[in-house]
Amino acid sequence: MLHLTVLGSGSAGNCAVVESDECKLLIDGGLSARQITTRLETVGMRMDGIDGILLTHEHIDHVGGLDVLCKKFDVPIFCNALTAEALRRSGEACRKNFHLFQTGGEFSVKDITVQTFPIPHDAVDPVGFVLHHGNASLGFCTDLGFATKLVFERLRSVQTLVIETNHDEKMLQADTRRPWPVKQRIMSRHGHLSNAAAAEVLVQLLNNNLRCAVLGHLSRDCNRPDLALETVRTRLADAGADVEVFCASQTDVSARFAVA
């Protein structure tokens, strides 16, 4: 069995922890190092017990805490070569911790097998993950403009999926703080999934193994948790789905989700 706890997810930073019997992995390190260590402690974990950090891409809301973490803890950072190079250009603290993988390949950390796959987003080489442990399969797919055929193929086996619901389309279009080019980037095929788009991805994954969806990476200005939940749950209900749907928070640690 795997367990998932989202330490925080949203525009201001993203970090989750996945644990098995033998292994504890962070996915992204976008919260501050202090927040990561503090939130881990609230769920009975310590940073010095983390076996590695998996990085989806180099944007600051996914790597913002890494430099300080690397100075304090000798934790392996698993990422592809282009992401590592982007981080090296922005800071030297993480250099000795890199464990490189090739996008599309897989590797193991103790008793967890990590499958990687490319996703469309405006980063140098962004990836999604599927983590396997025995019969348990957890998908992690945030920061993508749309779901490719390969994304659907890789997520077909997952029982629990963390998926981006970045924005409500009407709220984004009405937002007065973002210029039109920024809105175009967000809505583009290398931007972010809307609530409605994420709901359609989940519908396409029905009749496989999917039992639970955790919505993440909500925009603080152009979305609301209740709106994301309502949009996704309504679409799934219309499709006759039996899938539990939860929403991760920027400020609060999530429940501990069992994946089996």
Protein backbone atom coordinates (compact mmCIF):
# COMPACT_ATOMS: atom_id res chain seq x y z
CA MET A 1 0.00 0.00 0.00
CA LEU A 2 1.03 3.59 -0.68
CA HIS A 3 -0.06 6.64 1.30
CA LEU A 4 -0.28 10.19 -0.02
CA THR A 5 -0.33 13.42 2.00
CA VAL A 6 -0.39 16.78 0.24
CA LEU A 7 1.61 19.22 2.38
CA GLY A 8 0.45 22.19 0.31
CA SER A 9 -0.69 22.88 -3.22
CA GLY A 10 -1.45 26.09 -5.09
CA SER A 11 0.02 29.18 -6.70
CA ALA A 12 2.32 29.85 -3.74
CA GLY A 13 3.97 26.44 -3.57
CA ASN A 14 3.53 22.71 -4.07
CA CYS A 15 4.78 19.73 -2.10
CA ALA A 16 3.42 16.27 -1.31
CA VAL A 17 4.77 13.20 0.45
CA VAL A 18 4.27 9.61 -0.66
CA GLU A 19 5.14 6.76 1.67
CA SER A 20 5.35 2.99 1.54
CA ASP A 21 6.51 0.47 4.11
CA GLU A 22 10.16 1.29 3.45
CA CYS A 23 10.28 4.60 1.60
CA LYS A 24 9.22 8.23 1.95
CA LEU A 25 9.42 10.55 -1.07
CA LEU A 26 8.57 14.20 -1.52
CA ILE A 27 7.07 15.24 -4.83
CA ASP A 28 8.31 18.78 -5.51
CA GLY A 29 9.68 21.21 -2.95
CA GLY A 30 7.89 24.46 -3.69
CA LEU A 31 7.02 25.42 -0.11
CA SER A 32 9.68 27.07 2.01
CA ALA A 33 12.08 24.72 3.73
CA ARG A 34 10.64 25.74 7.09
CA GLN A 35 7.10 25.01 5.94
CA ILE A 36 8.09 21.64 4.52
CA THR A 37 9.82 20.54 7.73
CA THR A 38 7.03 21.92 9.94
CA ARG A 39 4.24 20.30 7.92
CA LEU A 40 6.09 16.99 7.82
CA GLU A 41 6.32 17.10 11.61
CA THR A 42 2.55 17.60 11.89
CA VAL A 43 2.09 14.20 10.21
CA GLY A 44 4.78 12.48 12.26
CA MET A 45 7.65 12.66 9.75
CA ARG A 46 11.05 14.28 9.70
CA MET A 47 12.98 15.69 6.78
CA ASP A 48 16.00 13.53 7.64
CA GLY A 49 13.77 10.49 7.07
CA ILE A 50 12.93 11.47 3.48
CA ASP A 51 14.55 9.18 0.90
CA GLY A 52 14.35 11.58 -2.04
CA ILE A 53 12.59 14.48 -3.72
CA LEU A 54 10.99 13.95 -7.14
CA LEU A 55 10.81 17.10 -9.25
CA THR A 56 8.17 17.68 -11.91
CA HIS A 57 9.84 20.83 -13.29
CA GLU A 58 11.92 23.88 -12.37
CA HIS A 59 9.29 26.58 -11.73
CA ILE A 60 9.69 28.36 -8.40
CA ASP A 61 6.38 27.15 -6.95
CA HIS A 62 7.77 23.61 -7.25
CA VAL A 63 11.42 24.11 -6.24
CA GLY A 64 11.41 27.20 -4.01
CA GLY A 65 12.48 25.38 -0.84
CA LEU A 66 15.23 23.25 -2.37
CA ASP A 67 18.29 25.43 -1.81
CA VAL A 68 17.74 25.67 1.93
CA LEU A 69 16.76 22.00 2.20
CA CYS A 70 19.94 20.97 0.38
CA LYS A 71 22.07 23.01 2.78
CA LYS A 72 20.50 21.30 5.79
CA PHE A 73 19.88 17.75 4.54
CA ASP A 74 21.74 15.45 2.18
CA VAL A 75 18.60 14.35 0.36
CA PRO A 76 18.72 12.96 -3.21
CA ILE A 77 16.89 15.05 -5.81
CA PHE A 78 15.48 13.04 -8.70
CA CYS A 79 14.97 15.01 -11.90
CA ASN A 80 15.85 14.96 -15.58
CA ALA A 81 18.97 16.60 -17.00
CA LEU A 82 17.34 19.75 -18.37
CA THR A 83 15.59 20.45 -15.07
CA ALA A 84 18.88 19.92 -13.21
CA GLU A 85 20.65 22.33 -15.54
CA ALA A 86 17.95 24.96 -15.01
CA LEU A 87 18.38 24.61 -11.25
CA ARG A 88 22.16 24.75 -11.47
CA ARG A 89 21.90 28.08 -13.27
CA SER A 90 19.74 29.47 -10.46
CA GLY A 91 21.60 28.10 -7.43
CA GLU A 92 24.54 25.88 -6.54
CA ALA A 93 23.31 24.31 -3.30
CA CYS A 94 21.62 21.35 -4.96
CA ARG A 95 24.44 20.33 -7.29
CA LYS A 96 25.72 17.31 -5.33
CA ASN A 97 22.24 15.90 -4.69
CA PHE A 98 21.08 15.31 -8.26
CA HIS A 99 20.09 11.81 -9.33
CA LEU A 100 19.21 12.12 -13.00
CA PHE A 101 16.58 10.13 -14.86
CA GLN A 102 15.66 10.15 -18.52
CA THR A 103 12.16 11.45 -19.21
CA GLY A 104 9.97 8.49 -20.13
CA GLY A 105 12.05 6.04 -18.14
CA GLU A 106 11.53 4.52 -14.72
CA PHE A 107 13.63 3.92 -11.62
CA SER A 108 13.20 2.62 -8.10
CA VAL A 109 13.76 4.18 -4.71
CA LYS A 110 13.75 1.37 -2.17
CA ASP A 111 10.37 -0.38 -2.63
CA ILE A 112 8.72 2.32 -4.80
CA THR A 113 9.01 2.21 -8.60
CA VAL A 114 8.70 5.62 -10.26
CA GLN A 115 7.51 5.84 -13.86
CA THR A 116 8.07 9.18 -15.59
CA PHE A 117 6.39 10.67 -18.64
CA PRO A 118 6.49 14.01 -20.48
CA ILE A 119 3.67 16.50 -20.09
CA PRO A 120 2.93 19.71 -22.06
CA HIS A 121 3.82 22.78 -19.99
CA ASP A 122 6.01 25.85 -20.44
CA ALA A 123 9.03 24.45 -18.61
CA VAL A 124 12.28 22.99 -19.99
CA ASP A 125 11.30 19.31 -19.63
CA PRO A 126 8.25 18.88 -17.35
CA VAL A 127 7.14 15.42 -16.26
CA GLY A 128 4.36 13.56 -14.54
CA PHE A 129 4.84 10.55 -12.30
CA VAL A 130 3.17 7.23 -11.62
CA LEU A 131 4.40 5.59 -8.43
CA HIS A 132 3.98 1.83 -8.03
CA HIS A 133 4.25 -0.33 -4.94
CA GLY A 134 2.87 -3.84 -5.19
CA ASN A 135 -0.66 -3.49 -6.56
CA ALA A 136 -0.89 0.18 -5.55
CA SER A 137 -0.55 2.84 -8.25
CA LEU A 138 -0.56 6.61 -7.68
CA GLY A 139 -0.54 9.21 -10.47
CA PHE A 140 0.77 12.73 -10.09
CA CYS A 141 0.01 15.06 -12.97
CA THR A 142 -0.02 18.81 -12.38
CA ASP A 143 1.00 21.81 -14.49
CA LEU A 144 -0.13 20.66 -17.91
CA GLY A 145 -1.97 22.49 -20.65
CA PHE A 146 -3.77 19.39 -21.91
CA ALA A 147 -3.64 15.63 -21.55
CA THR A 148 -1.87 13.90 -24.43
CA LYS A 149 -2.49 10.32 -25.53
CA LEU A 150 0.68 9.36 -23.68
CA VAL A 151 -0.61 10.98 -20.48
CA PHE A 152 -3.81 8.93 -20.68
CA GLU A 153 -1.79 5.79 -21.40
CA ARG A 154 0.44 6.29 -18.36
CA LEU A 155 -2.44 7.15 -16.03
CA ARG A 156 -4.59 4.22 -17.09
CA SER A 157 -3.43 2.04 -14.20
CA VAL A 158 -3.70 4.53 -11.32
CA GLN A 159 -6.12 4.13 -8.44
CA THR A 160 -5.52 7.61 -7.05
CA LEU A 161 -4.65 10.65 -9.17
CA VAL A 162 -3.42 14.08 -8.11
CA ILE A 163 -4.52 16.34 -10.95
CA GLU A 164 -4.37 20.07 -11.55
CA THR A 165 -7.53 22.17 -11.43
CA ASN A 166 -5.77 25.48 -11.84
CA HIS A 167 -8.54 27.88 -12.81
CA ASP A 168 -12.18 28.46 -13.51
CA GLU A 169 -12.38 29.72 -17.07
CA LYS A 170 -14.88 32.51 -16.32
CA MET A 171 -12.91 33.74 -13.31
CA LEU A 172 -9.70 33.79 -15.33
CA GLN A 173 -11.26 35.71 -18.20
CA ALA A 174 -12.77 38.24 -15.79
CA ASP A 175 -9.55 38.72 -13.79
CA THR A 176 -8.35 42.34 -14.06
CA ARG A 177 -4.85 41.72 -12.63
CA ARG A 178 -3.61 39.51 -15.44
CA PRO A 179 -2.89 40.98 -18.89
CA TRP A 180 -4.34 39.16 -21.88
CA PRO A 181 -1.01 37.53 -22.93
CA VAL A 182 -0.75 35.94 -19.47
CA LYS A 183 -4.29 34.64 -19.72
CA GLN A 184 -3.51 33.23 -23.15
CA ARG A 185 -0.45 31.42 -21.76
CA ILE A 186 -2.47 29.93 -18.88
CA MET A 187 -5.21 28.72 -21.25
CA SER A 188 -2.78 27.45 -23.89
CA ARG A 189 -1.80 23.85 -24.61
CA HIS A 190 1.38 24.46 -22.59
CA GLY A 191 -0.35 26.23 -19.73
CA HIS A 192 -2.69 24.88 -17.06
CA LEU A 193 -5.80 22.72 -16.83
CA SER A 194 -9.09 24.40 -15.96
CA ASN A 195 -11.61 22.78 -13.65
CA ALA A 196 -13.67 21.65 -16.64
CA ALA A 197 -10.65 20.31 -18.51
CA ALA A 198 -9.48 18.30 -15.50
CA ALA A 199 -12.98 16.87 -15.11
CA GLU A 200 -12.88 15.66 -18.71
CA VAL A 201 -9.51 13.99 -18.11
CA LEU A 202 -11.00 12.11 -15.16
CA VAL A 203 -14.03 11.06 -17.20
CA GLN A 204 -11.72 9.64 -19.86
CA LEU A 205 -9.98 7.57 -17.18
CA LEU A 206 -13.17 5.92 -15.94
CA ASN A 207 -13.73 2.18 -16.31
CA ASN A 208 -10.11 1.57 -15.45
CA ASN A 209 -8.79 1.55 -11.87
CA LEU A 210 -9.48 5.14 -10.79
CA ARG A 211 -11.10 5.40 -7.36
CA CYS A 212 -9.91 8.74 -5.97
CA ALA A 213 -8.97 12.14 -7.40
CA VAL A 214 -7.15 14.86 -5.47
CA LEU A 215 -7.47 18.30 -7.05
CA GLY A 216 -4.44 20.55 -6.75
CA HIS A 217 -2.54 23.62 -7.90
CA LEU A 218 -5.56 25.95 -7.62
CA SER A 219 -4.99 29.57 -8.57
CA ARG A 220 -5.46 31.84 -5.57
CA ASP A 221 -7.11 34.51 -7.76
CA CYS A 222 -8.95 32.56 -10.46
CA ASN A 223 -10.41 29.57 -8.65
CA ARG A 224 -12.03 28.41 -5.42
CA PRO A 225 -11.96 24.97 -3.83
CA ASP A 226 -15.76 24.75 -3.70
CA LEU A 227 -15.99 25.67 -7.37
CA ALA A 228 -13.36 23.14 -8.42
CA LEU A 229 -15.03 20.39 -6.40
CA GLU A 230 -18.49 21.22 -7.72
CA THR A 231 -17.33 21.28 -11.35
CA VAL A 232 -15.49 17.97 -11.14
CA ARG A 233 -18.03 16.14 -8.99
CA THR A 234 -20.93 17.23 -11.20
CA ARG A 235 -19.20 16.06 -14.37
CA LEU A 236 -18.28 12.72 -12.81
CA ALA A 237 -21.81 12.23 -11.50
CA ASP A 238 -23.18 12.92 -14.98
CA ALA A 239 -20.86 10.19 -16.25
CA GLY A 240 -22.10 7.75 -13.60
CA ALA A 241 -18.71 7.60 -11.92
CA ASP A 242 -17.95 6.20 -8.48
CA VAL A 243 -14.87 8.30 -7.75
CA GLU A 244 -14.11 10.15 -4.51
CA VAL A 245 -12.95 13.73 -5.10
CA PHE A 246 -11.00 15.88 -2.65
CA CYS A 247 -9.31 19.25 -2.95
CA ALA A 248 -5.81 19.98 -1.67
CA SER A 249 -5.17 23.26 0.13
CA GLN A 250 -2.39 25.82 -0.07
CA THR A 251 -2.44 26.43 3.67
CA ASP A 252 -3.48 23.13 5.26
CA VAL A 253 -2.04 19.64 5.15
CA SER A 254 -4.42 17.18 3.53
CA ALA A 255 -5.78 13.97 4.89
CA ARG A 256 -3.60 10.87 4.49
CA PHE A 257 -4.94 9.05 1.46
CA ALA A 258 -4.47 5.28 1.20
CA VAL A 259 -3.71 3.93 -2.28
CA ALA A 260 -4.31 0.22 -2.71
